């Protein structure tokens, strides 16, 4: 499958782009969302979000903790877990359950239904819009009078760079 020429934020993880600009604009949107919600983006919360935005991949809490500790925020697990929990609760980050990790939300403040595309080789994670998947899930749940409280859709495969590097010619 050839890489898409689409340059939307959800494809940034799999395409060459101005990552510093991408991270900076997402961070500014996240700060505005936190302010609109009256949520306090403390220095440790802000740094945790900056760490998540440094790469388009999900990071485990202990990896975030190591980075926070290196920046002088303490080395006790609750430091990272509280910051990450806040970011998830305010919609500034997502939990990627398959990886037991966290990724910065690329659409802070927007009502969206993401699906996480996880490259099994390089670990890149793209947050792609999946409204159609959400609609289908809600219809299936409604058909059996089930109320969905939370749903996370995650797909494991190969990003365009890894497909090319492996010479696979397509996703598995």
N, C-alpha and C. Protein backbone atom coordinates (compact mmCIF):
# COMPACT_ATOMS: atom_id res chain seq x y z
N UNK A 1 0.85 -1.17 0.00
CA UNK A 1 0.00 0.00 0.00
C UNK A 1 0.89 1.24 0.00
N UNK A 2 0.69 2.12 -0.92
CA UNK A 2 1.50 3.32 -1.03
C UNK A 2 1.11 4.33 0.04
N UNK A 3 2.06 5.09 0.55
CA UNK A 3 1.74 6.11 1.53
C UNK A 3 0.79 7.14 0.93
N UNK A 4 -0.11 7.62 1.73
CA UNK A 4 -1.07 8.62 1.29
C UNK A 4 -0.39 9.97 1.16
N UNK A 5 -0.88 10.78 0.24
CA UNK A 5 -0.34 12.13 0.10
C UNK A 5 -1.04 13.08 1.07
N UNK A 6 -2.00 12.57 1.81
CA UNK A 6 -2.73 13.39 2.77
C UNK A 6 -1.79 13.86 3.87
N UNK A 7 -1.90 15.13 4.26
CA UNK A 7 -0.99 15.67 5.26
C UNK A 7 -1.71 16.04 6.54
N UNK A 8 -2.88 15.48 6.76
CA UNK A 8 -3.64 15.77 7.96
C UNK A 8 -2.85 15.34 9.19
N UNK A 9 -3.12 15.98 10.35
CA UNK A 9 -2.37 15.65 11.57
C UNK A 9 -2.41 14.16 11.91
N UNK A 10 -3.52 13.50 11.59
CA UNK A 10 -3.61 12.09 11.96
C UNK A 10 -2.63 11.21 11.19
N UNK A 11 -2.10 11.71 10.08
CA UNK A 11 -1.12 10.93 9.33
C UNK A 11 0.31 11.37 9.60
N UNK A 12 0.49 12.36 10.42
CA UNK A 12 1.82 12.92 10.66
C UNK A 12 2.80 11.87 11.17
N UNK A 13 2.34 10.92 11.95
CA UNK A 13 3.24 9.90 12.49
C UNK A 13 3.87 9.06 11.39
N UNK A 14 3.20 8.96 10.26
CA UNK A 14 3.67 8.10 9.19
C UNK A 14 4.22 8.86 7.98
N UNK A 15 4.36 10.17 8.10
CA UNK A 15 4.82 10.96 6.96
C UNK A 15 5.88 11.96 7.41
N UNK A 16 6.73 12.33 6.48
CA UNK A 16 7.71 13.38 6.76
C UNK A 16 6.93 14.68 6.94
N UNK A 17 7.24 15.41 7.99
CA UNK A 17 6.55 16.67 8.25
C UNK A 17 7.38 17.51 9.21
N UNK A 18 6.95 18.72 9.42
CA UNK A 18 7.60 19.62 10.37
C UNK A 18 7.14 19.20 11.76
N UNK A 19 7.87 18.28 12.39
CA UNK A 19 7.41 17.75 13.67
C UNK A 19 7.45 18.81 14.77
N UNK A 20 8.43 19.67 14.75
CA UNK A 20 8.49 20.72 15.78
C UNK A 20 7.25 21.60 15.69
N UNK A 21 6.86 21.96 14.49
CA UNK A 21 5.65 22.76 14.30
C UNK A 21 4.40 22.00 14.68
N UNK A 22 4.36 20.73 14.34
CA UNK A 22 3.24 19.85 14.68
C UNK A 22 3.08 19.78 16.20
N UNK A 23 4.16 19.52 16.90
CA UNK A 23 4.12 19.40 18.36
C UNK A 23 3.77 20.74 19.00
N UNK A 24 4.35 21.81 18.48
CA UNK A 24 4.10 23.13 19.04
C UNK A 24 2.64 23.55 18.88
N UNK A 25 2.07 23.34 17.71
CA UNK A 25 0.67 23.73 17.50
C UNK A 25 -0.27 22.87 18.34
N UNK A 26 0.03 21.59 18.47
CA UNK A 26 -0.80 20.71 19.30
C UNK A 26 -0.70 21.13 20.75
N UNK A 27 0.50 21.46 21.21
CA UNK A 27 0.70 21.91 22.59
C UNK A 27 -0.09 23.19 22.86
N UNK A 28 -0.04 24.13 21.93
CA UNK A 28 -0.79 25.38 22.12
C UNK A 28 -2.30 25.13 22.17
N UNK A 29 -2.80 24.24 21.31
CA UNK A 29 -4.23 23.89 21.35
C UNK A 29 -4.57 23.22 22.68
N UNK A 30 -3.70 22.35 23.15
CA UNK A 30 -3.93 21.65 24.43
C UNK A 30 -3.96 22.64 25.59
N UNK A 31 -3.06 23.61 25.58
CA UNK A 31 -3.05 24.62 26.64
C UNK A 31 -4.34 25.43 26.62
N UNK A 32 -4.83 25.77 25.43
CA UNK A 32 -6.08 26.53 25.31
C UNK A 32 -7.26 25.69 25.81
N UNK A 33 -7.27 24.40 25.48
CA UNK A 33 -8.34 23.51 25.93
C UNK A 33 -8.34 23.41 27.45
N UNK A 34 -7.17 23.24 28.04
CA UNK A 34 -7.08 23.16 29.50
C UNK A 34 -7.60 24.44 30.14
N UNK A 35 -7.22 25.56 29.58
CA UNK A 35 -7.68 26.85 30.12
C UNK A 35 -9.20 26.98 29.99
N UNK A 36 -9.75 26.61 28.82
CA UNK A 36 -11.21 26.67 28.62
C UNK A 36 -11.96 25.80 29.61
N UNK A 37 -11.39 24.65 29.94
CA UNK A 37 -12.02 23.72 30.88
C UNK A 37 -11.76 24.11 32.33
N UNK A 38 -10.93 25.09 32.56
CA UNK A 38 -10.58 25.47 33.92
C UNK A 38 -9.68 24.45 34.58
N UNK A 39 -8.99 23.65 33.76
CA UNK A 39 -8.09 22.62 34.27
C UNK A 39 -6.69 23.21 34.40
N UNK A 40 -6.05 22.94 35.50
CA UNK A 40 -4.73 23.51 35.77
C UNK A 40 -3.63 22.63 35.16
N UNK A 41 -2.93 23.18 34.21
CA UNK A 41 -1.82 22.50 33.57
C UNK A 41 -0.56 22.85 34.35
N UNK A 42 -0.32 22.09 35.44
CA UNK A 42 0.83 22.34 36.31
C UNK A 42 2.12 22.07 35.53
N UNK A 43 3.26 22.51 36.06
CA UNK A 43 4.53 22.25 35.36
C UNK A 43 4.77 20.77 35.06
N UNK A 44 4.45 19.88 35.98
CA UNK A 44 4.69 18.45 35.72
C UNK A 44 3.72 17.92 34.66
N UNK A 45 2.48 18.37 34.68
CA UNK A 45 1.51 17.95 33.66
C UNK A 45 1.92 18.47 32.28
N UNK A 46 2.34 19.72 32.24
CA UNK A 46 2.78 20.32 30.99
C UNK A 46 4.00 19.58 30.44
N UNK A 47 4.95 19.27 31.32
CA UNK A 47 6.16 18.56 30.87
C UNK A 47 5.82 17.16 30.39
N UNK A 48 4.89 16.49 31.07
CA UNK A 48 4.47 15.14 30.63
C UNK A 48 3.87 15.22 29.22
N UNK A 49 3.06 16.24 28.97
CA UNK A 49 2.47 16.40 27.64
C UNK A 49 3.55 16.71 26.62
N UNK A 50 4.49 17.56 26.96
CA UNK A 50 5.59 17.87 26.05
C UNK A 50 6.37 16.60 25.70
N UNK A 51 6.61 15.75 26.69
CA UNK A 51 7.33 14.49 26.47
C UNK A 51 6.55 13.62 25.48
N UNK A 52 5.23 13.52 25.68
CA UNK A 52 4.41 12.71 24.77
C UNK A 52 4.41 13.27 23.35
N UNK A 53 4.54 14.57 23.24
CA UNK A 53 4.52 15.21 21.92
C UNK A 53 5.86 15.16 21.19
N UNK A 54 6.91 14.75 21.88
CA UNK A 54 8.23 14.75 21.25
C UNK A 54 8.34 13.77 20.10
N UNK A 55 7.56 12.69 20.15
CA UNK A 55 7.58 11.69 19.08
C UNK A 55 6.16 11.22 18.85
N UNK A 56 5.90 10.74 17.65
CA UNK A 56 4.59 10.18 17.37
C UNK A 56 4.61 8.69 17.73
N UNK A 57 4.63 8.45 19.02
CA UNK A 57 4.56 7.07 19.50
C UNK A 57 3.98 7.11 20.91
N UNK A 58 3.51 5.98 21.35
CA UNK A 58 2.99 5.89 22.71
C UNK A 58 4.15 5.59 23.65
N UNK A 59 4.04 6.12 24.86
CA UNK A 59 5.10 5.92 25.85
C UNK A 59 4.50 5.35 27.12
N UNK A 60 5.19 4.41 27.72
CA UNK A 60 4.77 3.86 28.98
C UNK A 60 4.97 4.86 30.11
N UNK A 61 4.24 4.67 31.19
CA UNK A 61 4.31 5.58 32.32
C UNK A 61 5.72 5.65 32.91
N UNK A 62 6.41 4.52 32.94
CA UNK A 62 7.77 4.53 33.52
C UNK A 62 8.76 5.25 32.61
N UNK A 63 8.54 5.20 31.31
CA UNK A 63 9.39 5.96 30.39
C UNK A 63 9.16 7.46 30.60
N UNK A 64 7.90 7.85 30.76
CA UNK A 64 7.58 9.25 31.04
C UNK A 64 8.18 9.64 32.39
N UNK A 65 8.06 8.75 33.39
CA UNK A 65 8.62 9.02 34.71
C UNK A 65 10.12 9.25 34.65
N UNK A 66 10.84 8.43 33.90
CA UNK A 66 12.29 8.61 33.78
C UNK A 66 12.62 9.99 33.23
N UNK A 67 11.86 10.42 32.23
CA UNK A 67 12.09 11.73 31.62
C UNK A 67 11.74 12.85 32.59
N UNK A 68 10.63 12.67 33.32
CA UNK A 68 10.25 13.68 34.32
C UNK A 68 11.31 13.78 35.42
N UNK A 69 11.81 12.64 35.87
CA UNK A 69 12.83 12.62 36.92
C UNK A 69 14.10 13.32 36.44
N UNK A 70 14.47 13.07 35.19
CA UNK A 70 15.66 13.72 34.63
C UNK A 70 15.50 15.24 34.58
N UNK A 71 14.24 15.68 34.51
CA UNK A 71 13.96 17.12 34.47
C UNK A 71 13.69 17.69 35.87
N UNK A 72 13.89 16.86 36.92
CA UNK A 72 13.78 17.33 38.29
C UNK A 72 12.39 17.27 38.90
N UNK A 73 11.49 16.47 38.33
CA UNK A 73 10.12 16.39 38.85
C UNK A 73 9.89 15.22 39.81
N UNK A 74 10.92 14.54 40.22
CA UNK A 74 10.77 13.42 41.15
C UNK A 74 10.75 12.10 40.41
N UNK A 75 11.04 11.03 41.17
CA UNK A 75 11.13 9.72 40.53
C UNK A 75 10.18 8.70 41.12
N UNK A 76 9.11 9.15 41.74
CA UNK A 76 8.11 8.23 42.29
C UNK A 76 7.00 8.01 41.26
N UNK A 77 6.58 6.77 41.02
CA UNK A 77 5.57 6.48 40.00
C UNK A 77 4.31 7.36 40.05
N UNK A 78 3.80 7.72 41.24
CA UNK A 78 2.60 8.57 41.23
C UNK A 78 2.79 9.89 40.49
N UNK A 79 4.01 10.39 40.42
CA UNK A 79 4.27 11.64 39.70
C UNK A 79 3.82 11.51 38.25
N UNK A 80 4.27 10.46 37.60
CA UNK A 80 3.91 10.25 36.19
C UNK A 80 2.45 9.83 36.05
N UNK A 81 2.00 8.88 36.88
CA UNK A 81 0.64 8.38 36.74
C UNK A 81 -0.40 9.48 36.95
N UNK A 82 -0.19 10.35 37.92
CA UNK A 82 -1.15 11.44 38.15
C UNK A 82 -1.17 12.41 36.97
N UNK A 83 -0.01 12.73 36.46
CA UNK A 83 0.06 13.65 35.32
C UNK A 83 -0.61 13.03 34.09
N UNK A 84 -0.30 11.77 33.82
CA UNK A 84 -0.88 11.09 32.66
C UNK A 84 -2.40 10.92 32.81
N UNK A 85 -2.85 10.59 34.03
CA UNK A 85 -4.28 10.45 34.29
C UNK A 85 -5.00 11.78 34.03
N UNK A 86 -4.41 12.87 34.49
CA UNK A 86 -4.98 14.19 34.24
C UNK A 86 -5.08 14.45 32.73
N UNK A 87 -4.01 14.17 32.00
CA UNK A 87 -4.00 14.42 30.56
C UNK A 87 -5.08 13.60 29.85
N UNK A 88 -5.27 12.35 30.26
CA UNK A 88 -6.31 11.51 29.66
C UNK A 88 -7.70 12.04 30.02
N UNK A 89 -7.90 12.35 31.29
CA UNK A 89 -9.21 12.83 31.74
C UNK A 89 -9.62 14.14 31.07
N UNK A 90 -8.67 14.98 30.74
CA UNK A 90 -8.98 16.26 30.11
C UNK A 90 -8.96 16.17 28.59
N UNK A 91 -8.71 14.99 28.04
CA UNK A 91 -8.72 14.81 26.60
C UNK A 91 -7.46 15.30 25.90
N UNK A 92 -6.38 15.48 26.65
CA UNK A 92 -5.13 15.95 26.07
C UNK A 92 -4.20 14.79 25.69
N UNK A 93 -4.54 13.60 26.14
CA UNK A 93 -3.78 12.40 25.80
C UNK A 93 -4.76 11.23 25.76
N UNK A 94 -4.30 10.15 25.17
CA UNK A 94 -5.10 8.92 25.09
C UNK A 94 -4.30 7.78 25.69
N UNK A 95 -5.00 6.83 26.24
CA UNK A 95 -4.36 5.60 26.69
C UNK A 95 -4.42 4.60 25.55
N UNK A 96 -3.29 4.06 25.16
CA UNK A 96 -3.23 3.04 24.12
C UNK A 96 -3.10 1.72 24.86
N UNK A 97 -4.21 1.06 25.02
CA UNK A 97 -4.26 -0.12 25.89
C UNK A 97 -3.40 -1.27 25.41
N UNK A 98 -3.34 -1.51 24.12
CA UNK A 98 -2.55 -2.63 23.59
C UNK A 98 -1.10 -2.51 24.04
N UNK A 99 -0.61 -1.28 24.14
CA UNK A 99 0.78 -1.05 24.50
C UNK A 99 0.95 -0.69 25.97
N UNK A 100 -0.16 -0.60 26.71
CA UNK A 100 -0.14 -0.12 28.09
C UNK A 100 0.68 1.16 28.15
N UNK A 101 0.28 2.09 27.30
CA UNK A 101 1.05 3.32 27.14
C UNK A 101 0.12 4.49 26.86
N UNK A 102 0.72 5.66 26.69
CA UNK A 102 -0.03 6.89 26.50
C UNK A 102 0.51 7.64 25.28
N UNK A 103 -0.38 8.31 24.58
CA UNK A 103 0.00 9.12 23.43
C UNK A 103 -0.72 10.46 23.52
N UNK A 104 -0.04 11.51 23.12
CA UNK A 104 -0.66 12.83 23.11
C UNK A 104 -1.82 12.83 22.13
N UNK A 105 -2.90 13.49 22.49
CA UNK A 105 -4.03 13.64 21.57
C UNK A 105 -3.64 14.66 20.52
N UNK A 106 -3.80 14.31 19.27
CA UNK A 106 -3.46 15.21 18.19
C UNK A 106 -4.60 16.15 17.83
N UNK A 107 -5.74 15.98 18.48
CA UNK A 107 -6.92 16.81 18.22
C UNK A 107 -7.52 17.31 19.54
N UNK A 108 -6.72 17.94 20.40
CA UNK A 108 -7.27 18.35 21.70
C UNK A 108 -8.43 19.33 21.53
N UNK A 109 -9.47 19.09 22.32
CA UNK A 109 -10.63 19.96 22.31
C UNK A 109 -11.65 19.64 21.24
N UNK A 110 -11.33 18.71 20.35
CA UNK A 110 -12.26 18.33 19.29
C UNK A 110 -13.01 17.06 19.68
N UNK A 111 -14.29 17.02 19.34
CA UNK A 111 -15.07 15.80 19.54
C UNK A 111 -14.70 14.87 18.39
N UNK A 112 -14.00 13.81 18.70
CA UNK A 112 -13.56 12.91 17.65
C UNK A 112 -13.57 11.46 18.14
N UNK A 113 -13.56 10.56 17.19
CA UNK A 113 -13.57 9.13 17.49
C UNK A 113 -12.30 8.53 16.89
N UNK A 114 -11.21 8.52 17.66
CA UNK A 114 -9.95 8.05 17.07
C UNK A 114 -9.82 6.54 17.04
N UNK A 115 -9.05 6.09 16.09
CA UNK A 115 -8.57 4.72 16.05
C UNK A 115 -7.05 4.87 16.06
N UNK A 116 -6.38 3.99 16.79
CA UNK A 116 -4.93 4.07 16.88
C UNK A 116 -4.31 3.04 15.96
N UNK A 117 -3.49 3.53 15.05
CA UNK A 117 -2.77 2.68 14.11
C UNK A 117 -1.35 2.56 14.65
N UNK A 118 -0.98 1.35 15.05
CA UNK A 118 0.28 1.11 15.75
C UNK A 118 1.20 0.30 14.86
N UNK A 119 2.38 0.86 14.56
CA UNK A 119 3.35 0.13 13.76
C UNK A 119 4.08 -0.87 14.66
N UNK A 120 4.00 -2.12 14.31
CA UNK A 120 4.60 -3.16 15.14
C UNK A 120 6.11 -3.18 15.05
N UNK A 121 6.68 -2.50 14.06
CA UNK A 121 8.12 -2.49 13.90
C UNK A 121 8.77 -1.29 14.57
N UNK A 122 8.35 -0.08 14.23
CA UNK A 122 9.02 1.11 14.76
C UNK A 122 8.29 1.73 15.96
N UNK A 123 7.07 1.28 16.23
CA UNK A 123 6.34 1.79 17.38
C UNK A 123 5.60 3.09 17.16
N UNK A 124 5.65 3.64 15.95
CA UNK A 124 4.91 4.87 15.67
C UNK A 124 3.42 4.62 15.89
N UNK A 125 2.75 5.64 16.40
CA UNK A 125 1.31 5.55 16.63
C UNK A 125 0.65 6.74 15.96
N UNK A 126 -0.31 6.45 15.08
CA UNK A 126 -1.08 7.51 14.44
C UNK A 126 -2.49 7.47 15.00
N UNK A 127 -3.01 8.65 15.26
CA UNK A 127 -4.39 8.79 15.73
C UNK A 127 -5.21 9.19 14.51
N UNK A 128 -5.97 8.24 13.97
CA UNK A 128 -6.77 8.51 12.77
C UNK A 128 -8.25 8.61 13.14
N UNK A 129 -8.97 9.42 12.41
CA UNK A 129 -10.40 9.58 12.64
C UNK A 129 -11.11 8.29 12.23
N UNK A 130 -12.06 7.87 13.05
CA UNK A 130 -12.78 6.62 12.80
C UNK A 130 -14.26 6.76 13.12
N UNK A 131 -14.85 7.86 12.67
CA UNK A 131 -16.27 8.09 12.94
C UNK A 131 -17.13 6.93 12.44
N UNK A 132 -16.78 6.39 11.28
CA UNK A 132 -17.55 5.26 10.73
C UNK A 132 -17.51 4.04 11.65
N UNK A 133 -16.37 3.80 12.26
CA UNK A 133 -16.24 2.69 13.19
C UNK A 133 -17.12 2.94 14.41
N UNK A 134 -17.11 4.18 14.91
CA UNK A 134 -17.94 4.52 16.07
C UNK A 134 -19.42 4.35 15.77
N UNK A 135 -19.84 4.80 14.60
CA UNK A 135 -21.24 4.67 14.20
C UNK A 135 -21.64 3.20 14.14
N UNK A 136 -20.79 2.36 13.53
CA UNK A 136 -21.08 0.94 13.43
C UNK A 136 -21.13 0.28 14.80
N UNK A 137 -20.21 0.65 15.68
CA UNK A 137 -20.20 0.10 17.04
C UNK A 137 -21.47 0.47 17.79
N UNK A 138 -21.86 1.73 17.71
CA UNK A 138 -23.07 2.18 18.41
C UNK A 138 -24.31 1.50 17.86
N UNK A 139 -24.36 1.29 16.56
CA UNK A 139 -25.51 0.59 15.97
C UNK A 139 -25.56 -0.86 16.44
N UNK A 140 -24.42 -1.52 16.48
CA UNK A 140 -24.38 -2.92 16.94
C UNK A 140 -24.78 -3.00 18.41
N UNK A 141 -24.31 -2.06 19.22
CA UNK A 141 -24.66 -2.04 20.64
C UNK A 141 -26.15 -1.76 20.83
N UNK A 142 -26.67 -0.80 20.09
CA UNK A 142 -28.09 -0.44 20.20
C UNK A 142 -28.99 -1.61 19.81
N UNK A 143 -28.54 -2.42 18.87
CA UNK A 143 -29.34 -3.56 18.41
C UNK A 143 -29.58 -4.57 19.53
N UNK A 144 -28.71 -4.57 20.53
CA UNK A 144 -28.87 -5.51 21.65
C UNK A 144 -29.08 -4.76 22.97
N UNK A 145 -29.51 -3.50 22.86
CA UNK A 145 -29.77 -2.66 24.03
C UNK A 145 -28.56 -2.55 24.96
N UNK A 146 -27.38 -2.47 24.39
CA UNK A 146 -26.15 -2.35 25.16
C UNK A 146 -25.73 -0.88 25.15
N UNK A 147 -25.28 -0.38 26.28
CA UNK A 147 -24.80 0.99 26.39
C UNK A 147 -23.28 0.98 26.44
N UNK A 148 -22.65 1.55 25.44
CA UNK A 148 -21.20 1.63 25.39
C UNK A 148 -20.76 2.79 26.27
N UNK A 149 -19.89 2.51 27.22
CA UNK A 149 -19.36 3.56 28.09
C UNK A 149 -17.97 4.00 27.63
N UNK A 150 -17.21 3.10 27.06
CA UNK A 150 -15.87 3.43 26.58
C UNK A 150 -15.49 2.42 25.52
N UNK A 151 -14.87 2.89 24.48
CA UNK A 151 -14.37 2.00 23.43
C UNK A 151 -13.07 2.56 22.88
N UNK A 152 -12.12 1.70 22.68
CA UNK A 152 -10.85 2.07 22.08
C UNK A 152 -10.58 1.12 20.94
N UNK A 153 -10.34 1.66 19.77
CA UNK A 153 -10.05 0.83 18.61
C UNK A 153 -8.56 1.00 18.30
N UNK A 154 -7.87 -0.12 18.26
CA UNK A 154 -6.43 -0.12 18.00
C UNK A 154 -6.12 -1.16 16.95
N UNK A 155 -5.32 -0.79 15.97
CA UNK A 155 -4.93 -1.70 14.90
C UNK A 155 -3.41 -1.80 14.88
N UNK A 156 -2.92 -3.01 14.78
CA UNK A 156 -1.48 -3.27 14.74
C UNK A 156 -1.10 -3.64 13.31
N UNK A 157 -0.04 -3.04 12.82
CA UNK A 157 0.39 -3.32 11.45
C UNK A 157 1.72 -2.67 11.16
N UNK A 158 1.90 -2.28 9.92
CA UNK A 158 3.15 -1.65 9.49
C UNK A 158 2.88 -0.28 8.91
N UNK A 159 3.69 0.69 9.31
CA UNK A 159 3.59 2.03 8.74
C UNK A 159 4.25 2.01 7.36
N UNK A 160 3.99 3.03 6.54
CA UNK A 160 4.56 3.05 5.19
C UNK A 160 6.08 2.93 5.17
N UNK A 161 6.78 3.58 6.11
CA UNK A 161 8.26 3.50 6.13
C UNK A 161 8.72 2.07 6.39
N UNK A 162 8.05 1.38 7.32
CA UNK A 162 8.48 0.01 7.65
C UNK A 162 8.09 -0.97 6.56
N UNK A 163 6.98 -0.72 5.89
CA UNK A 163 6.61 -1.56 4.75
C UNK A 163 7.72 -1.47 3.70
N UNK A 164 8.13 -0.24 3.42
CA UNK A 164 9.19 -0.04 2.42
C UNK A 164 10.49 -0.66 2.88
N UNK A 165 10.85 -0.46 4.15
CA UNK A 165 12.11 -0.99 4.68
C UNK A 165 12.13 -2.51 4.67
N UNK A 166 10.99 -3.12 4.96
CA UNK A 166 10.94 -4.58 5.01
C UNK A 166 10.70 -5.18 3.63
N UNK A 167 10.38 -4.32 2.65
CA UNK A 167 10.11 -4.84 1.30
C UNK A 167 8.87 -5.69 1.25
N UNK A 168 7.96 -5.47 2.21
CA UNK A 168 6.75 -6.29 2.30
C UNK A 168 5.75 -5.97 1.20
N UNK A 169 5.76 -4.74 0.75
CA UNK A 169 4.82 -4.37 -0.31
C UNK A 169 3.40 -4.21 0.13
N UNK A 170 3.09 -4.39 1.40
CA UNK A 170 1.72 -4.22 1.91
C UNK A 170 1.63 -4.65 3.34
N UNK A 171 0.57 -4.27 3.99
CA UNK A 171 0.34 -4.60 5.40
C UNK A 171 -0.13 -6.03 5.53
N UNK A 172 0.15 -6.62 6.66
CA UNK A 172 -0.24 -8.00 6.94
C UNK A 172 -1.69 -8.07 7.32
